[in-house]
């Protein structure tokens, strides 16, 4: 009789663990947004385009063409780097930057 009770308790614990882990993974999937979407949500005034693993924050000109203002690259092999090319600025980060960091870095360019 005690053996059956131990088996039932072990099965109940396994079921609870499966339900808990499944619920956790489904909620993380729904909250998983792309970096492009995060940037677009933060800088709504501008058009955000992703091309070749580069995020571009653009302003639309009078001919409805995008003028690239800020380029964001993520390269784990490099330190944080800022390069100017005329009106365009390229920011290279070793990992995905936070919203606050981007806001602070891009303040003088947008």
Protein backbone atom coordinates (compact mmCIF):
# COMPACT_ATOMS: atom_id res chain seq x y z
CA UNK A 1 0.00 0.00 0.00
CA UNK A 2 2.84 2.40 0.84
CA UNK A 3 4.50 1.63 -2.50
CA UNK A 4 1.41 2.76 -4.40
CA UNK A 5 1.23 5.97 -2.38
CA UNK A 6 4.89 6.80 -3.22
CA UNK A 7 4.26 6.09 -6.93
CA UNK A 8 1.16 8.32 -6.96
CA UNK A 9 3.06 11.17 -5.25
CA UNK A 10 5.97 10.90 -7.73
CA UNK A 11 3.58 10.92 -10.71
CA UNK A 12 1.73 13.94 -9.28
CA UNK A 13 5.02 15.82 -8.85
CA UNK A 14 6.02 15.00 -12.43
CA UNK A 15 2.68 16.25 -13.78
CA UNK A 16 2.99 19.50 -11.80
CA UNK A 17 6.54 20.02 -13.10
CA UNK A 18 5.46 19.47 -16.72
CA UNK A 19 2.55 21.91 -16.38
CA UNK A 20 4.80 24.52 -14.72
CA UNK A 21 7.54 24.30 -17.36
CA UNK A 22 5.07 24.39 -20.27
CA UNK A 23 3.34 27.46 -18.89
CA UNK A 24 6.68 29.25 -18.42
CA UNK A 25 7.88 28.58 -21.96
CA UNK A 26 4.63 29.68 -23.61
CA UNK A 27 4.64 33.00 -21.76
CA UNK A 28 8.25 33.65 -22.79
CA UNK A 29 7.36 32.93 -26.42
CA UNK A 30 4.60 35.52 -26.46
CA UNK A 31 6.90 38.13 -24.87
CA UNK A 32 9.71 37.46 -27.31
CA UNK A 33 9.83 40.44 -29.69
CA UNK A 34 12.51 41.13 -32.24
CA UNK A 35 15.12 43.83 -31.74
CA UNK A 36 13.72 45.68 -34.78
CA UNK A 37 10.28 45.83 -33.14
CA UNK A 38 11.78 47.14 -29.90
CA UNK A 39 13.64 49.90 -31.78
CA UNK A 40 10.54 50.78 -33.84
CA UNK A 41 8.41 51.03 -30.72
CA UNK A 42 10.96 53.33 -29.06
CA UNK A 43 11.58 55.60 -32.09
CA UNK A 44 8.08 55.79 -33.57
CA UNK A 45 8.76 59.05 -35.37
CA UNK A 46 11.23 57.28 -37.68
CA UNK A 47 11.07 54.32 -40.04
CA UNK A 48 13.07 51.30 -38.84
CA UNK A 49 14.42 48.88 -41.44
CA UNK A 50 16.41 45.67 -40.93
CA UNK A 51 18.89 44.76 -43.65
CA UNK A 52 21.86 42.35 -43.45
CA UNK A 53 21.76 42.04 -39.63
CA UNK A 54 21.81 45.86 -39.40
CA UNK A 55 18.99 47.94 -37.97
CA UNK A 56 18.58 51.29 -39.72
CA UNK A 57 16.67 54.22 -38.25
CA UNK A 58 15.59 56.31 -41.22
CA UNK A 59 13.77 59.54 -41.90
CA UNK A 60 11.57 59.67 -44.97
CA UNK A 61 12.61 62.43 -47.40
CA UNK A 62 10.40 64.49 -49.72
CA UNK A 63 10.44 61.71 -52.35
CA UNK A 64 9.30 59.18 -49.74
CA UNK A 65 12.71 57.49 -49.74
CA UNK A 66 14.45 56.53 -46.50
CA UNK A 67 17.41 58.69 -45.42
CA UNK A 68 19.57 56.60 -43.11
CA UNK A 69 20.33 58.49 -39.91
CA UNK A 70 21.48 55.77 -37.48
CA UNK A 71 22.73 52.25 -38.18
CA UNK A 72 22.88 49.71 -35.35
CA UNK A 73 25.11 46.65 -35.64
CA UNK A 74 25.58 43.94 -33.04
CA UNK A 75 28.98 42.26 -33.23
CA UNK A 76 30.11 40.26 -30.17
CA UNK A 77 33.75 40.51 -31.36
CA UNK A 78 33.89 44.32 -31.11
CA UNK A 79 33.65 46.86 -28.32
CA UNK A 80 31.10 49.66 -28.43
CA UNK A 81 32.06 51.81 -31.40
CA UNK A 82 30.64 54.98 -32.98
CA UNK A 83 31.53 56.04 -36.55
CA UNK A 84 30.28 59.10 -38.46
CA UNK A 85 29.72 59.13 -42.22
CA UNK A 86 28.25 62.54 -43.08
CA UNK A 87 24.71 62.59 -41.68
CA UNK A 88 24.78 58.85 -41.01
CA UNK A 89 26.15 57.41 -37.76
CA UNK A 90 26.97 53.74 -37.21
CA UNK A 91 26.82 52.32 -33.70
CA UNK A 92 28.38 48.91 -33.12
CA UNK A 93 27.51 47.13 -29.87
CA UNK A 94 28.92 43.85 -28.48
CA UNK A 95 25.40 42.82 -27.37
CA UNK A 96 21.86 44.08 -27.80
CA UNK A 97 21.73 47.56 -26.22
CA UNK A 98 19.08 48.61 -23.74
CA UNK A 99 16.46 51.20 -24.62
CA UNK A 100 18.01 53.71 -22.22
CA UNK A 101 21.46 53.24 -23.72
CA UNK A 102 20.12 53.74 -27.25
CA UNK A 103 18.11 56.79 -26.22
CA UNK A 104 21.23 58.34 -24.65
CA UNK A 105 23.53 57.43 -27.57
CA UNK A 106 21.16 58.57 -30.34
CA UNK A 107 19.96 61.78 -28.63
CA UNK A 108 22.25 64.12 -30.57
CA UNK A 109 21.62 62.36 -33.91
CA UNK A 110 17.81 61.97 -33.95
